[in-house]
Amino acid sequence: MSFDFDTVIDRRGTDSQKWQKYAGRDILPLWVADMDFKSSPAIIAALQERVATGLFGYAQPVKSSVDAFVNALEQRYGWKIDPAWLVWLPGLVVGLNLTAEAFAQPGEEVLTLTPVYPPFMSAPKNSGRVSTQVPFRLDAANRRWEIEWAALEKAVTPKTKLFFLCNPHNPIARVWRRDELVQLGEFCVRHDLVLCSDEIHCDLILDGLPHIPTALLGAEIAQRTVTLMAPSKAYNVPGLGTSIAIIPDAQLRARFVRAAAGVMAEVTGLGYVACEAAYRDSEPWRQELLQTLRGNRDFIIDFVARELPGVTIEAPIEATYLAWLNVSALKLPDPIAHFEHHGVGLSDGAFFGVPRGSHVRLNFGCPRATLAEALARMKRAVAAR
């Protein structure tokens, strides 16, 4: 391999939110979606060159930054983007909050599927909107998470204005297939819902499945879709706060921009530089990252099956660097506290909309040595319950 994904970097005592959570405690943090790998050399070099100018004024994207993003989407997904569709954001969660405010009024409803990334549920509530959640159904025989279509239809009311989709899905690591996306698109058209598609993990598909941008499903769906993307997860630059909303419809775009007026911070010059270097110059690094993540994913699946009785991975991990673990059979009143007591910090499934004690989420975006030690600690935790 040309890049280093094996060296363990000591992030203790740094400004890392991930590691500060357990400062002074012997706990390996595998919770927040922040990888413990250095970003690509191309991004690091571009940032160093930019810093060397000594100029850090207000920034706007230059043509080369826009071209890098637009070209990457066309090459990877066959999606031809008009640069006029882009709204640059200082983070994807900002985009979720702005979408809720722009396309629903106070008291109106935003529909989503659970378990899901917590801001999908909290963003509507932040501005007085209502979050309505429909649980996935696990097809245990086929080891596949499914949308419960009848329940989804039943959840729609006259106050439902917006649907939040996560594709690929966090935390269940599911890549949605074309027929499922078409059905979701038709559902939104039928009920006149704006469709917000969070595709931040689209460059982290592990199994060779195609990522299908929701807005590619047809003109009628594209005209009601807000797509959110970012280099933050695939290239490990979340702290640089650079995301993009892609909104083909001019009226939707205008409403989105109005919602942002006066409350949204600007993207920094360093964020634009990192974004350009990610999409233009970092593809070899991303391909090796995917190889590393596949290896870590397979290592976890094997370890859980052999060494962690009472813990199960209910469906394939098709994308992301996040494993969704069912720990309900352990019958722990507080799984997070139990695993922390044995030296591993995980995300509580309750934050994702499932019953407390049933699931935890594990971030395997780290060197194999860190992952192996964390899993060994989990083995001791399971044995000690």
Foldseek 3Di string as FASTA:
>chain_A
DPDDQFDQDDCAPHPDPQRVVQHPAQFQRFADLFFRDAFFPLLVVLLVVVVVVVDWDFDDFDPLLLCLVQVLCCVQAVDHADSVQKDKALAVLVVLLLLLPLFADAAFEEEEEPLADLSNQVSNVVHRYHYDYDYWDQPQVQLDTHRPVVVVVVRDDLRYAAYEAEAVTPPLLRHDDLVVLLVVLVVCVVSVHQYEYEDAFQLFFQPPDGHHPSLVNDVVSLQRYWYKYACCNLRRPSVQRIIMIGRPHPVSVVSSVVSPPPPGDHRTPSRSSSSSSCSRPCPVVSVVLSVQLNVLQVVVQVCCVPQQPQKHQRHRNRGGQKGKIFNLSLVDPAVQVLLVVLRYHWAFSVSSPDDTSTITMGGSSHRPVSSVVSSVSNSVSSVVD
